[in-house]
PDB file of N, CA and C in Angstrom:
ATOM      1  N   LEU A   1     142.126 138.708 178.478  1.00  0.00           N
ATOM      2  CA  LEU A   1     141.673 140.530 177.859  1.00  0.00           C
ATOM      3  C   LEU A   1     142.432 139.862 176.477  1.00  0.00           C
ATOM      4  N   ALA A   2     143.884 139.905 175.848  1.00  0.00           N
ATOM      5  CA  ALA A   2     144.553 138.973 175.068  1.00  0.00           C
ATOM      6  C   ALA A   2     143.907 138.484 174.014  1.00  0.00           C
ATOM      7  N   LYS A   3     142.925 137.258 174.628  1.00  0.00           N
ATOM      8  CA  LYS A   3     142.228 136.472 174.130  1.00  0.00           C
ATOM      9  C   LYS A   3     140.890 137.300 173.711  1.00  0.00           C
ATOM     10  N   LEU A   4     141.269 137.957 174.532  1.00  0.00           N
ATOM     11  CA  LEU A   4     139.399 138.381 173.634  1.00  0.00           C
ATOM     12  C   LEU A   4     139.635 139.412 172.675  1.00  0.00           C
ATOM     13  N   ILE A   5     141.037 140.307 172.657  1.00  0.00           N
ATOM     14  CA  ILE A   5     140.940 141.421 171.339  1.00  0.00           C
ATOM     15  C   ILE A   5     141.884 140.095 170.013  1.00  0.00           C
ATOM     16  N   PHE A   6     142.402 139.601 170.793  1.00  0.00           N
ATOM     17  CA  PHE A   6     142.347 138.794 169.606  1.00  0.00           C
ATOM     18  C   PHE A   6     141.787 137.810 168.332  1.00  0.00           C
ATOM     19  N   ILE A   7     140.383 137.122 169.304  1.00  0.00           N
ATOM     20  CA  ILE A   7     138.974 137.063 168.879  1.00  0.00           C
ATOM     21  C   ILE A   7     138.033 137.868 168.035  1.00  0.00           C
ATOM     22  N   MET A   8     138.404 139.516 168.377  1.00  0.00           N
ATOM     23  CA  MET A   8     137.424 140.855 168.076  1.00  0.00           C
ATOM     24  C   MET A   8     138.278 140.598 167.223  1.00  0.00           C
ATOM     25  N   GLN A   9     139.550 140.303 166.040  1.00  0.00           N
ATOM     26  CA  GLN A   9     140.360 140.918 165.112  1.00  0.00           C
ATOM     27  C   GLN A   9     139.762 140.139 164.253  1.00  0.00           C
ATOM     28  N   ILE A  10     140.373 138.649 164.629  1.00  0.00           N
ATOM     29  CA  ILE A  10     139.794 137.641 164.052  1.00  0.00           C
ATOM     30  C   ILE A  10     138.218 138.006 162.917  1.00  0.00           C
ATOM     31  N   PHE A  11     136.940 138.398 164.370  1.00  0.00           N
ATOM     32  CA  PHE A  11     135.850 138.585 163.792  1.00  0.00           C
ATOM     33  C   PHE A  11     135.693 139.974 162.869  1.00  0.00           C
ATOM     34  N   THR A  12     136.431 140.954 163.378  1.00  0.00           N
ATOM     35  CA  THR A  12     136.526 141.996 162.714  1.00  0.00           C
ATOM     36  C   THR A  12     136.783 141.922 160.687  1.00  0.00           C
ATOM     37  N   LYS A  13     138.212 140.787 160.567  1.00  0.00           N
ATOM     38  CA  LYS A  13     138.601 140.452 159.336  1.00  0.00           C
ATOM     39  C   LYS A  13     137.584 139.538 159.464  1.00  0.00           C
ATOM     40  N   PHE A  14     136.642 138.561 159.704  1.00  0.00           N
ATOM     41  CA  PHE A  14     135.983 138.080 158.913  1.00  0.00           C
ATOM     42  C   PHE A  14     135.393 138.848 158.747  1.00  0.00           C
ATOM     43  N   LEU A  15     134.059 140.086 159.455  1.00  0.00           N
ATOM     44  CA  LEU A  15     133.280 140.394 158.490  1.00  0.00           C
ATOM     45  C   LEU A  15     134.022 141.411 157.154  1.00  0.00           C
ATOM     46  N   ILE A  16     135.033 142.285 157.094  1.00  0.00           N
ATOM     47  CA  ILE A  16     135.782 142.741 156.632  1.00  0.00           C
ATOM     48  C   ILE A  16     135.443 141.901 154.992  1.00  0.00           C
ATOM     49  N   GLY A  17     136.049 141.386 155.235  1.00  0.00           N
ATOM     50  CA  GLY A  17     136.245 139.993 154.603  1.00  0.00           C
ATOM     51  C   GLY A  17     134.645 139.537 153.251  1.00  0.00           C
ATOM     52  N   LEU A  18     133.428 139.238 154.474  1.00  0.00           N
ATOM     53  CA  LEU A  18     132.886 138.772 153.545  1.00  0.00           C
ATOM     54  C   LEU A  18     131.570 140.165 153.585  1.00  0.00           C
ATOM     55  N   PHE A  19     132.668 141.708 153.517  1.00  0.00           N
ATOM     56  CA  PHE A  19     131.268 142.742 152.827  1.00  0.00           C
ATOM     57  C   PHE A  19     131.756 142.758 151.695  1.00  0.00           C
ATOM     58  N   LEU A  20     134.124 142.799 151.352  1.00  0.00           N
ATOM     59  CA  LEU A  20     134.873 142.740 150.784  1.00  0.00           C
ATOM     60  C   LEU A  20     134.122 141.576 149.210  1.00  0.00           C
ATOM     61  N   ASN A  21     134.004 140.706 149.890  1.00  0.00           N
ATOM     62  CA  ASN A  21     133.561 139.955 148.675  1.00  0.00           C
ATOM     63  C   ASN A  21     132.021 140.002 148.287  1.00  0.00           C
ATOM     64  N   GLY A  22     130.956 140.293 149.596  1.00  0.00           N
ATOM     65  CA  GLY A  22     129.557 140.547 148.612  1.00  0.00           C
ATOM     66  C   GLY A  22     129.765 142.007 147.590  1.00  0.00           C
ATOM     67  N   LEU A  23     131.018 142.755 147.283  1.00  0.00           N
ATOM     68  CA  LEU A  23     131.407 143.938 146.948  1.00  0.00           C
ATOM     69  C   LEU A  23     131.554 144.153 145.596  1.00  0.00           C
ATOM     70  N   ALA A  24     132.238 142.974 146.082  1.00  0.00           N
ATOM     71  CA  ALA A  24     133.206 142.044 144.559  1.00  0.00           C
ATOM     72  C   ALA A  24     131.461 141.100 144.010  1.00  0.00           C
ATOM     73  N   LEU A  25     130.535 140.622 144.458  1.00  0.00           N
ATOM     74  CA  LEU A  25     130.101 140.052 143.651  1.00  0.00           C
ATOM     75  C   LEU A  25     128.202 141.041 143.137  1.00  0.00           C
ATOM     76  N   PHE A  26     128.666 142.159 144.102  1.00  0.00           N
ATOM     77  CA  PHE A  26     127.690 143.240 142.772  1.00  0.00           C
ATOM     78  C   PHE A  26     128.586 144.244 142.040  1.00  0.00           C
ATOM     79  N   ILE A  27     129.618 144.572 142.344  1.00  0.00           N
ATOM     80  CA  ILE A  27     130.065 144.999 141.346  1.00  0.00           C
ATOM     81  C   ILE A  27     130.062 143.979 139.968  1.00  0.00           C
ATOM     82  N   LEU A  28     130.843 142.865 140.127  1.00  0.00           N
ATOM     83  CA  LEU A  28     130.339 141.763 138.851  1.00  0.00           C
ATOM     84  C   LEU A  28     128.980 141.812 138.475  1.00  0.00           C
ATOM     85  N   THR A  29     127.973 141.545 138.883  1.00  0.00           N
ATOM     86  CA  THR A  29     126.506 141.412 138.956  1.00  0.00           C
ATOM     87  C   THR A  29     126.682 142.383 138.085  1.00  0.00           C
ATOM     88  N   LYS A  30     126.914 144.089 138.733  1.00  0.00           N
ATOM     89  CA  LYS A  30     126.410 145.070 137.258  1.00  0.00           C
ATOM     90  C   LYS A  30     127.423 145.876 136.625  1.00  0.00           C
ATOM     91  N   VAL A  31     128.816 145.052 136.273  1.00  0.00           N
ATOM     92  CA  VAL A  31     128.468 145.468 135.053  1.00  0.00           C
ATOM     93  C   VAL A  31     129.482 144.583 134.543  1.00  0.00           C
ATOM     94  N   VAL A  32     129.262 143.287 134.428  1.00  0.00           N
ATOM     95  CA  VAL A  32     129.171 142.519 133.398  1.00  0.00           C
ATOM     96  C   VAL A  32     127.321 141.279 133.171  1.00  0.00           C
ATOM     97  N   GLU A  33     127.325 141.981 131.679  1.00  0.00           N
ATOM     98  CA  GLU A  33     125.858 141.279 130.674  1.00  0.00           C
ATOM     99  C   GLU A  33     126.147 139.199 130.849  1.00  0.00           C
ATOM    100  N   GLY A  34     125.333 139.543 131.378  1.00  0.00           N
ATOM    101  CA  GLY A  34     124.968 138.060 130.655  1.00  0.00           C
ATOM    102  C   GLY A  34     125.184 137.073 132.630  1.00  0.00           C
ATOM    103  N   ILE A  35     125.020 137.951 133.576  1.00  0.00           N
ATOM    104  CA  ILE A  35     125.310 137.286 134.844  1.00  0.00           C
ATOM    105  C   ILE A  35     123.849 137.826 135.748  1.00  0.00           C
ATOM    106  N   THR A  36     123.353 137.105 136.008  1.00  0.00           N
ATOM    107  CA  THR A  36     121.869 137.187 136.475  1.00  0.00           C
ATOM    108  C   THR A  36     121.959 136.718 138.421  1.00  0.00           C
ATOM    109  N   TYR A  37     120.984 137.297 139.296  1.00  0.00           N
ATOM    110  CA  TYR A  37     121.301 136.717 140.520  1.00  0.00           C
ATOM    111  C   TYR A  37     119.364 137.025 141.221  1.00  0.00           C
ATOM    112  N   THR A  38     119.580 136.251 141.751  1.00  0.00           N
ATOM    113  CA  THR A  38     118.111 136.766 142.563  1.00  0.00           C
ATOM    114  C   THR A  38     118.656 135.991 144.781  1.00  0.00           C
ATOM    115  N   GLY A  39     117.644 137.007 145.329  1.00  0.00           N
ATOM    116  CA  GLY A  39     118.576 137.340 146.696  1.00  0.00           C
ATOM    117  C   GLY A  39     118.582 138.099 147.064  1.00  0.00           C
ATOM    118  N   GLY A  40     118.449 139.453 146.989  1.00  0.00           N
ATOM    119  CA  GLY A  40     118.633 141.117 146.980  1.00  0.00           C
ATOM    120  C   GLY A  40     120.052 140.509 147.733  1.00  0.00           C
ATOM    121  N   LEU A  41     120.349 141.561 149.028  1.00  0.00           N
ATOM    122  CA  LEU A  41     120.755 141.919 149.739  1.00  0.00           C
ATOM    123  C   LEU A  41     120.704 140.237 150.525  1.00  0.00           C
ATOM    124  N   LYS A  42     120.515 139.204 150.518  1.00  0.00           N
ATOM    125  CA  LYS A  42     120.503 137.670 151.367  1.00  0.00           C
ATOM    126  C   LYS A  42     122.096 137.213 150.459  1.00  0.00           C
ATOM    127  N   PHE A  43     121.317 137.600 149.009  1.00  0.00           N
ATOM    128  CA  PHE A  43     122.487 136.975 147.893  1.00  0.00           C
ATOM    129  C   PHE A  43     123.268 137.222 148.215  1.00  0.00           C
ATOM    130  N   PHE A  44     124.288 138.631 148.159  1.00  0.00           N
ATOM    131  CA  PHE A  44     125.218 139.121 148.621  1.00  0.00           C
ATOM    132  C   PHE A  44     125.904 138.935 149.981  1.00  0.00           C
ATOM    133  N   ILE A  45     125.557 138.813 150.723  1.00  0.00           N
ATOM    134  CA  ILE A  45     125.811 138.168 152.492  1.00  0.00           C
ATOM    135  C   ILE A  45     125.966 136.892 151.993  1.00  0.00           C
ATOM    136  N   LEU A  46     124.916 135.970 151.482  1.00  0.00           N
ATOM    137  CA  LEU A  46     125.587 134.338 151.318  1.00  0.00           C
ATOM    138  C   LEU A  46     127.152 134.305 150.766  1.00  0.00           C
ATOM    139  N   GLY A  47     126.808 134.534 149.361  1.00  0.00           N
ATOM    140  CA  GLY A  47     127.628 134.482 147.731  1.00  0.00           C
ATOM    141  C   GLY A  47     128.840 135.311 148.892  1.00  0.00           C
ATOM    142  N   GLY A  48     128.635 136.309 149.344  1.00  0.00           N
ATOM    143  CA  GLY A  48     130.044 136.809 150.304  1.00  0.00           C
ATOM    144  C   GLY A  48     131.086 135.703 151.317  1.00  0.00           C
ATOM    145  N   LEU A  49     129.819 135.090 151.916  1.00  0.00           N
ATOM    146  CA  LEU A  49     130.411 134.005 152.653  1.00  0.00           C
ATOM    147  C   LEU A  49     131.315 132.728 151.679  1.00  0.00           C
ATOM    148  N   VAL A  50     130.199 132.038 150.583  1.00  0.00           N
ATOM    149  CA  VAL A  50     130.747 131.297 149.754  1.00  0.00           C
ATOM    150  C   VAL A  50     131.326 131.229 149.260  1.00  0.00           C
ATOM    151  N   LEU A  51     132.360 132.762 149.071  1.00  0.00           N
ATOM    152  CA  LEU A  51     133.457 133.103 147.688  1.00  0.00           C
ATOM    153  C   LEU A  51     134.262 133.131 149.067  1.00  0.00           C
ATOM    154  N   GLY A  52     134.263 133.601 150.496  1.00  0.00           N
ATOM    155  CA  GLY A  52     135.028 134.580 151.425  1.00  0.00           C
ATOM    156  C   GLY A  52     136.163 132.060 151.124  1.00  0.00           C
ATOM    157  N   ILE A  53     134.976 131.401 151.553  1.00  0.00           N
ATOM    158  CA  ILE A  53     135.117 130.015 151.341  1.00  0.00           C
ATOM    159  C   ILE A  53     136.281 129.504 149.974  1.00  0.00           C
ATOM    160  N   LEU A  54     136.090 129.829 149.051  1.00  0.00           N
ATOM    161  CA  LEU A  54     135.882 128.910 148.380  1.00  0.00           C
ATOM    162  C   LEU A  54     137.512 130.043 148.585  1.00  0.00           C
ATOM    163  N   ASN A  55     137.526 131.252 148.316  1.00  0.00           N
ATOM    164  CA  ASN A  55     138.730 131.812 148.476  1.00  0.00           C
ATOM    165  C   ASN A  55     140.051 131.417 148.648  1.00  0.00           C
ATOM    166  N   SER A  56     139.224 131.450 150.646  1.00  0.00           N
ATOM    167  CA  SER A  56     140.761 130.936 151.572  1.00  0.00           C
ATOM    168  C   SER A  56     140.909 129.448 151.182  1.00  0.00           C
ATOM    169  N   VAL A  57     140.251 128.240 151.017  1.00  0.00           N
ATOM    170  CA  VAL A  57     140.644 127.362 150.987  1.00  0.00           C
ATOM    171  C   VAL A  57     140.837 126.883 149.422  1.00  0.00           C
ATOM    172  N   VAL A  58     139.950 126.901 148.592  1.00  0.00           N
ATOM    173  CA  VAL A  58     139.933 126.014 147.136  1.00  0.00           C
ATOM    174  C   VAL A  58     140.923 126.845 146.469  1.00  0.00           C
ATOM    175  N   LYS A  59     141.203 128.404 146.180  1.00  0.00           N
ATOM    176  CA  LYS A  59     142.319 129.285 145.673  1.00  0.00           C
ATOM    177  C   LYS A  59     143.213 128.555 146.000  1.00  0.00           C
ATOM    178  N   PRO A  60     143.673 128.655 147.428  1.00  0.00           N
ATOM    179  CA  PRO A  60     145.489 129.029 147.652  1.00  0.00           C
ATOM    180  C   PRO A  60     145.869 126.561 147.173  1.00  0.00           C
ATOM    181  N   ILE A  61     144.966 126.035 147.243  1.00  0.00           N
ATOM    182  CA  ILE A  61     145.051 124.263 146.561  1.00  0.00           C
ATOM    183  C   ILE A  61     145.611 124.837 145.228  1.00  0.00           C
ATOM    184  N   ILE A  62     143.993 124.831 144.734  1.00  0.00           N
ATOM    185  CA  ILE A  62     144.409 124.872 143.039  1.00  0.00           C
ATOM    186  C   ILE A  62     145.236 125.736 143.060  1.00  0.00           C
ATOM    187  N   LYS A  63     145.583 127.185 143.232  1.00  0.00           N
ATOM    188  CA  LYS A  63     147.086 127.713 142.491  1.00  0.00           C
ATOM    189  C   LYS A  63     148.000 127.312 142.473  1.00  0.00           C
ATOM    190  N   THR A  64     148.508 126.845 143.836  1.00  0.00           N
ATOM    191  CA  THR A  64     149.445 125.708 144.265  1.00  0.00           C
ATOM    192  C   THR A  64     149.159 124.513 143.001  1.00  0.00           C
ATOM    193  N   LEU A  65     148.336 123.852 142.764  1.00  0.00           N
ATOM    194  CA  LEU A  65     148.492 122.830 141.226  1.00  0.00           C
ATOM    195  C   LEU A  65     148.775 123.314 140.425  1.00  0.00           C
ATOM    196  N   SER A  66     148.331 124.171 139.962  1.00  0.00           N
ATOM    197  CA  SER A  66     148.877 124.569 138.626  1.00  0.00           C
ATOM    198  C   SER A  66     149.356 125.864 138.309  1.00  0.00           C
ATOM    199  N   LEU A  67     150.735 125.813 138.945  1.00  0.00           N
ATOM    200  CA  LEU A  67     151.545 126.838 138.968  1.00  0.00           C
ATOM    201  C   LEU A  67     152.988 126.843 137.978  1.00  0.00           C
ATOM    202  N   PRO A  68     152.765 125.461 137.099  1.00  0.00           N
ATOM    203  CA  PRO A  68     153.678 125.332 136.393  1.00  0.00           C
ATOM    204  C   PRO A  68     152.354 126.240 135.382  1.00  0.00           C
ATOM    205  N   PHE A  69     151.204 126.024 134.872  1.00  0.00           N
ATOM    206  CA  PHE A  69     150.856 125.846 133.836  1.00  0.00           C
ATOM    207  C   PHE A  69     150.339 127.925 134.249  1.00  0.00           C
ATOM    208  N   VAL A  70     150.743 128.663 135.782  1.00  0.00           N
ATOM    209  CA  VAL A  70     150.046 129.587 135.577  1.00  0.00           C
ATOM    210  C   VAL A  70     151.525 130.084 134.945  1.00  0.00           C
ATOM    211  N   ILE A  71     152.894 129.495 134.963  1.00  0.00           N
ATOM    212  CA  ILE A  71     153.709 130.676 134.578  1.00  0.00           C
ATOM    213  C   ILE A  71     154.066 130.264 133.628  1.00  0.00           C
ATOM    214  N   LEU A  72     154.077 129.137 132.657  1.00  0.00           N
ATOM    215  CA  LEU A  72     154.088 128.860 131.397  1.00  0.00           C
ATOM    216  C   LEU A  72     153.032 129.667 130.695  1.00  0.00           C
ATOM    217  N   THR A  73     151.697 130.276 131.036  1.00  0.00           N
ATOM    218  CA  THR A  73     150.622 131.114 130.325  1.00  0.00           C
ATOM    219  C   THR A  73     151.076 133.346 130.602  1.00  0.00           C
ATOM    220  N   GLY A  74     152.058 132.947 131.870  1.00  0.00           N
ATOM    221  CA  GLY A  74     152.714 134.212 132.118  1.00  0.00           C
ATOM    222  C   GLY A  74     151.104 134.858 133.130  1.00  0.00           C
ATOM    223  N   GLY A  75     150.244 133.984 133.261  1.00  0.00           N
ATOM    224  CA  GLY A  75     149.591 134.974 134.998  1.00  0.00           C
ATOM    225  C   GLY A  75     147.881 134.841 133.837  1.00  0.00           C
ATOM    226  N   LEU A  76     147.928 133.900 132.798  1.00  0.00           N
ATOM    227  CA  LEU A  76     146.512 134.036 132.602  1.00  0.00           C
ATOM    228  C   LEU A  76     145.931 132.845 132.249  1.00  0.00           C
ATOM    229  N   PHE A  77     146.397 131.661 133.366  1.00  0.00           N
ATOM    230  CA  PHE A  77     145.774 130.970 134.222  1.00  0.00           C
ATOM    231  C   PHE A  77     145.286 131.228 134.895  1.00  0.00           C
ATOM    232  N   LEU A  78     145.215 131.938 135.207  1.00  0.00           N
ATOM    233  CA  LEU A  78     144.949 132.456 136.814  1.00  0.00           C
ATOM    234  C   LEU A  78     143.293 132.208 136.796  1.00  0.00           C
ATOM    235  N   ILE A  79     143.145 132.961 134.824  1.00  0.00           N
ATOM    236  CA  ILE A  79     141.394 133.856 134.336  1.00  0.00           C
ATOM    237  C   ILE A  79     141.017 132.850 134.202  1.00  0.00           C
ATOM    238  N   VAL A  80     141.565 131.075 133.853  1.00  0.00           N
ATOM    239  CA  VAL A  80     140.455 129.652 134.088  1.00  0.00           C
ATOM    240  C   VAL A  80     140.621 129.795 135.256  1.00  0.00           C
ATOM    241  N   ILE A  81     141.595 129.232 136.465  1.00  0.00           N
ATOM    242  CA  ILE A  81     141.044 129.799 137.666  1.00  0.00           C
ATOM    243  C   ILE A  81     139.801 130.208 138.623  1.00  0.00           C
ATOM    244  N   ASN A  82     139.484 131.466 138.229  1.00  0.00           N
ATOM    245  CA  ASN A  82     138.811 132.195 137.966  1.00  0.00           C
ATOM    246  C   ASN A  82     137.041 131.651 137.726  1.00  0.00           C
ATOM    247  N   ILE A  83     137.554 131.489 136.433  1.00  0.00           N
ATOM    248  CA  ILE A  83     136.453 130.957 135.792  1.00  0.00           C
ATOM    249  C   ILE A  83     135.557 129.593 136.912  1.00  0.00           C
ATOM    250  N   GLY A  84     136.525 128.597 137.067  1.00  0.00           N
ATOM    251  CA  GLY A  84     136.314 127.805 137.926  1.00  0.00           C
ATOM    252  C   GLY A  84     135.927 128.073 138.879  1.00  0.00           C
ATOM    253  N   LEU A  85     136.324 129.269 139.617  1.00  0.00           N
ATOM    254  CA  LEU A  85     135.507 129.397 140.870  1.00  0.00           C
ATOM    255  C   LEU A  85     134.382 130.634 141.541  1.00  0.00           C
ATOM    256  N   LEU A  86     133.854 130.853 140.207  1.00  0.00           N
ATOM    257  CA  LEU A  86     132.508 131.113 140.113  1.00  0.00           C
ATOM    258  C   LEU A  86     131.498 130.716 139.163  1.00  0.00           C
ATOM    259  N   TRP A  87     131.937 129.350 138.462  1.00  0.00           N
ATOM    260  CA  TRP A  87     131.200 128.081 138.554  1.00  0.00           C
ATOM    261  C   TRP A  87     130.800 127.346 139.853  1.00  0.00           C
ATOM    262  N   LEU A  88     132.201 127.253 140.835  1.00  0.00           N
ATOM    263  CA  LEU A  88     132.171 126.340 141.945  1.00  0.00           C
ATOM    264  C   LEU A  88     131.016 127.359 143.063  1.00  0.00           C
ATOM    265  N   LEU A  89     130.993 128.615 142.559  1.00  0.00           N
ATOM    266  CA  LEU A  89     130.556 129.716 143.526  1.00  0.00           C
ATOM    267  C   LEU A  89     128.666 129.388 142.619  1.00  0.00           C
ATOM    268  N   SER A  90     128.249 129.526 141.503  1.00  0.00           N
ATOM    269  CA  SER A  90     126.989 129.559 140.844  1.00  0.00           C
ATOM    270  C   SER A  90     126.724 127.425 141.465  1.00  0.00           C
ATOM    271  N   TYR A  91     127.390 126.683 141.717  1.00  0.00           N
ATOM    272  CA  TYR A  91     127.325 125.281 141.810  1.00  0.00           C
ATOM    273  C   TYR A  91     126.785 125.071 142.918  1.00  0.00           C
ATOM    274  N   SER A  92     127.724 125.916 144.235  1.00  0.00           N
ATOM    275  CA  SER A  92     127.258 125.977 145.718  1.00  0.00           C
ATOM    276  C   SER A  92     125.606 126.273 146.028  1.00  0.00           C
ATOM    277  N   LEU A  93     125.944 127.534 145.697  1.00  0.00           N
ATOM    278  CA  LEU A  93     124.348 128.266 146.023  1.00  0.00           C
ATOM    279  C   LEU A  93     124.024 127.238 145.228  1.00  0.00           C
ATOM    280  N   GLY A  94     123.420 126.711 144.577  1.00  0.00           N
ATOM    281  CA  GLY A  94     122.503 125.758 143.558  1.00  0.00           C
ATOM    282  C   GLY A  94     122.195 124.641 144.608  1.00  0.00           C
ATOM    283  N   VAL A  95     123.193 124.027 145.379  1.00  0.00           N
ATOM    284  CA  VAL A  95     123.539 122.996 145.973  1.00  0.00           C
ATOM    285  C   VAL A  95     122.989 122.847 146.567  1.00  0.00           C
ATOM    286  N   ILE A  96     123.246 123.869 148.094  1.00  0.00           N
ATOM    287  CA  ILE A  96     122.779 124.363 149.083  1.00  0.00           C
ATOM    288  C   ILE A  96     121.338 124.785 149.354  1.00  0.00           C
ATOM    289  N   GLN A  97     121.428 125.348 148.006  1.00  0.00           N
ATOM    290  CA  GLN A  97     119.738 125.004 147.829  1.00  0.00           C
ATOM    291  C   GLN A  97     119.601 126.248 149.032  1.00  0.00           C
ATOM    292  N   PHE A  98     120.009 127.958 149.087  1.00  0.00           N
ATOM    293  CA  PHE A  98     119.444 129.065 149.906  1.00  0.00           C
ATOM    294  C   PHE A  98     117.986 129.075 149.100  1.00  0.00           C
ATOM    295  N   ARG A  99     117.468 129.902 150.479  1.00  0.00           N
ATOM    296  CA  ARG A  99     115.865 130.531 149.578  1.00  0.00           C
ATOM    297  C   ARG A  99     115.597 131.003 148.347  1.00  0.00           C
ATOM    298  N   ASP A 100     115.546 130.995 147.506  1.00  0.00           N
ATOM    299  CA  ASP A 100     115.528 132.581 146.652  1.00  0.00           C
ATOM    300  C   ASP A 100     117.087 133.075 146.525  1.00  0.00           C
ATOM    301  N   VAL A 101     117.857 132.764 146.615  1.00  0.00           N
ATOM    302  CA  VAL A 101     118.990 132.858 146.465  1.00  0.00           C
ATOM    303  C   VAL A 101     119.797 132.359 145.121  1.00  0.00           C
ATOM    304  N   THR A 102     120.172 132.911 143.862  1.00  0.00           N
ATOM    305  CA  THR A 102     120.687 132.260 142.571  1.00  0.00           C
ATOM    306  C   THR A 102     121.396 133.131 142.111  1.00  0.00           C
ATOM    307  N   LEU A 103     123.195 132.423 141.049  1.00  0.00           N
ATOM    308  CA  LEU A 103     123.204 132.778 140.462  1.00  0.00           C
ATOM    309  C   LEU A 103     123.497 132.047 139.735  1.00  0.00           C
ATOM    310  N   VAL A 104     123.227 132.994 137.842  1.00  0.00           N
ATOM    311  CA  VAL A 104     122.937 132.479 137.008  1.00  0.00           C
ATOM    312  C   VAL A 104     124.214 133.420 136.181  1.00  0.00           C
ATOM    313  N   PHE A 105     124.776 132.361 135.254  1.00  0.00           N
ATOM    314  CA  PHE A 105     125.548 132.949 134.232  1.00  0.00           C
ATOM    315  C   PHE A 105     124.825 132.666 132.734  1.00  0.00           C
ATOM    316  N   GLN A 106     124.799 133.018 131.681  1.00  0.00           N
ATOM    317  CA  GLN A 106     124.171 133.284 130.851  1.00  0.00           C
ATOM    318  C   GLN A 106     124.760 131.830 130.074  1.00  0.00           C
ATOM    319  N   ASN A 107     125.882 132.160 129.579  1.00  0.00           N
ATOM    320  CA  ASN A 107     127.060 132.075 128.869  1.00  0.00           C
ATOM    321  C   ASN A 107     128.756 131.760 129.007  1.00  0.00           C
ATOM    322  N   PHE A 108     128.754 130.279 127.970  1.00  0.00           N
ATOM    323  CA  PHE A 108     130.265 130.875 128.819  1.00  0.00           C
ATOM    324  C   PHE A 108     131.287 132.204 128.170  1.00  0.00           C
ATOM    325  N   SER A 109     130.537 133.045 127.593  1.00  0.00           N
ATOM    326  CA  SER A 109     131.049 134.298 127.364  1.00  0.00           C
ATOM    327  C   SER A 109     131.072 134.945 129.073  1.00  0.00           C
ATOM    328  N   ALA A 110     129.883 135.138 129.461  1.00  0.00           N
ATOM    329  CA  ALA A 110     129.728 135.980 130.851  1.00  0.00           C
ATOM    330  C   ALA A 110     130.585 135.190 132.113  1.00  0.00           C
ATOM    331  N   TYR A 111     130.827 134.140 131.675  1.00  0.00           N
ATOM    332  CA  TYR A 111     132.152 133.222 132.530  1.00  0.00           C
ATOM    333  C   TYR A 111     133.214 133.787 132.386  1.00  0.00           C
ATOM    334  N   VAL A 112     134.003 133.803 131.322  1.00  0.00           N
ATOM    335  CA  VAL A 112     135.483 134.904 130.446  1.00  0.00           C
ATOM    336  C   VAL A 112     135.044 136.593 130.957  1.00  0.00           C
ATOM    337  N   ILE A 113     134.477 136.551 130.941  1.00  0.00           N
ATOM    338  CA  ILE A 113     134.675 138.503 131.325  1.00  0.00           C
ATOM    339  C   ILE A 113     134.061 138.455 132.888  1.00  0.00           C
ATOM    340  N   GLY A 114     133.555 137.748 133.251  1.00  0.00           N
ATOM    341  CA  GLY A 114     133.210 137.513 134.822  1.00  0.00           C
ATOM    342  C   GLY A 114     134.840 137.309 135.374  1.00  0.00           C
ATOM    343  N   ALA A 115     134.917 136.208 135.063  1.00  0.00           N
ATOM    344  CA  ALA A 115     136.287 135.816 135.934  1.00  0.00           C
ATOM    345  C   ALA A 115     137.017 137.018 135.468  1.00  0.00           C
ATOM    346  N   VAL A 116     137.087 137.900 134.027  1.00  0.00           N
ATOM    347  CA  VAL A 116     138.588 138.977 134.176  1.00  0.00           C
ATOM    348  C   VAL A 116     138.252 140.073 135.506  1.00  0.00           C
ATOM    349  N   VAL A 117     137.082 140.533 135.283  1.00  0.00           N
ATOM    350  CA  VAL A 117     136.570 141.610 135.887  1.00  0.00           C
ATOM    351  C   VAL A 117     136.536 141.024 138.000  1.00  0.00           C
ATOM    352  N   PHE A 118     135.984 139.719 137.931  1.00  0.00           N
ATOM    353  CA  PHE A 118     136.482 139.246 138.816  1.00  0.00           C
ATOM    354  C   PHE A 118     137.374 139.199 139.479  1.00  0.00           C
ATOM    355  N   GLY A 119     139.191 138.952 138.642  1.00  0.00           N
ATOM    356  CA  GLY A 119     140.713 139.578 139.472  1.00  0.00           C
ATOM    357  C   GLY A 119     140.916 140.137 139.498  1.00  0.00           C
ATOM    358  N   ILE A 120     140.094 141.203 138.651  1.00  0.00           N
ATOM    359  CA  ILE A 120     140.984 143.338 138.482  1.00  0.00           C
ATOM    360  C   ILE A 120     139.872 143.511 139.450  1.00  0.00           C
ATOM    361  N   ILE A 121     139.091 143.091 140.113  1.00  0.00           N
ATOM    362  CA  ILE A 121     138.004 143.877 141.527  1.00  0.00           C
ATOM    363  C   ILE A 121     138.830 143.508 142.770  1.00  0.00           C
ATOM    364  N   ASN A 122     138.894 141.397 142.629  1.00  0.00           N
ATOM    365  CA  ASN A 122     139.733 141.203 143.617  1.00  0.00           C
ATOM    366  C   ASN A 122     141.374 141.485 144.645  1.00  0.00           C
ATOM    367  N   TRP A 123     142.141 142.195 142.507  1.00  0.00           N
ATOM    368  CA  TRP A 123     142.954 142.556 142.915  1.00  0.00           C
ATOM    369  C   TRP A 123     143.115 144.182 143.744  1.00  0.00           C
ATOM    370  N   THR A 124     142.112 144.877 143.402  1.00  0.00           N
ATOM    371  CA  THR A 124     141.335 146.420 143.921  1.00  0.00           C
ATOM    372  C   THR A 124     141.262 145.634 145.064  1.00  0.00           C
ATOM    373  N   LEU A 125     140.425 144.917 145.637  1.00  0.00           N
ATOM    374  CA  LEU A 125     140.526 145.102 146.960  1.00  0.00           C
ATOM    375  C   LEU A 125     141.176 144.588 147.646  1.00  0.00           C
ATOM    376  N   SER A 126     142.318 143.514 146.919  1.00  0.00           N
ATOM    377  CA  SER A 126     143.218 143.574 147.666  1.00  0.00           C
ATOM    378  C   SER A 126     144.124 144.368 148.455  1.00  0.00           C
ATOM    379  N   LEU A 127     144.213 145.219 147.380  1.00  0.00           N
ATOM    380  CA  LEU A 127     144.746 147.047 147.782  1.00  0.00           C
ATOM    381  C   LEU A 127     144.778 147.704 149.097  1.00  0.00           C
ATOM    382  N   ILE A 128     143.148 147.330 149.167  1.00  0.00           N
ATOM    383  CA  ILE A 128     142.984 147.986 150.198  1.00  0.00           C
ATOM    384  C   ILE A 128     142.886 146.719 151.521  1.00  0.00           C
ATOM    385  N   LYS A 129     142.619 145.849 151.157  1.00  0.00           N
ATOM    386  CA  LYS A 129     143.028 144.509 152.974  1.00  0.00           C
ATOM    387  C   LYS A 129     144.359 145.464 153.726  1.00  0.00           C
TER     388      LYS A 129
END
């Protein structure tokens, strides 16, 4: 019974993370001009899944390796890390080739503004978790 409860807690955390990442993508695509997507609800589910993997596996490694730059820039280097994550998300969705699911940034300024907004959204959502 204890194992079942533990598995249910992990699954619930996964679903909450998936929902919050999908919500972050929804807010990002509505607030920042120059970011377009296709796929409707499927985009938010698959994008949330890929984003969750990137946030839980790739982001901690990059943040650890770039810690001196983060300290030297007073945290502004975190924007560069978020730009990289958004690029990886867009690239991953293209490489995996989900049917009719794309994320396109029209120009570099969309990445920069998107990274700042994405950082604010992630920070806000982390207060909810």
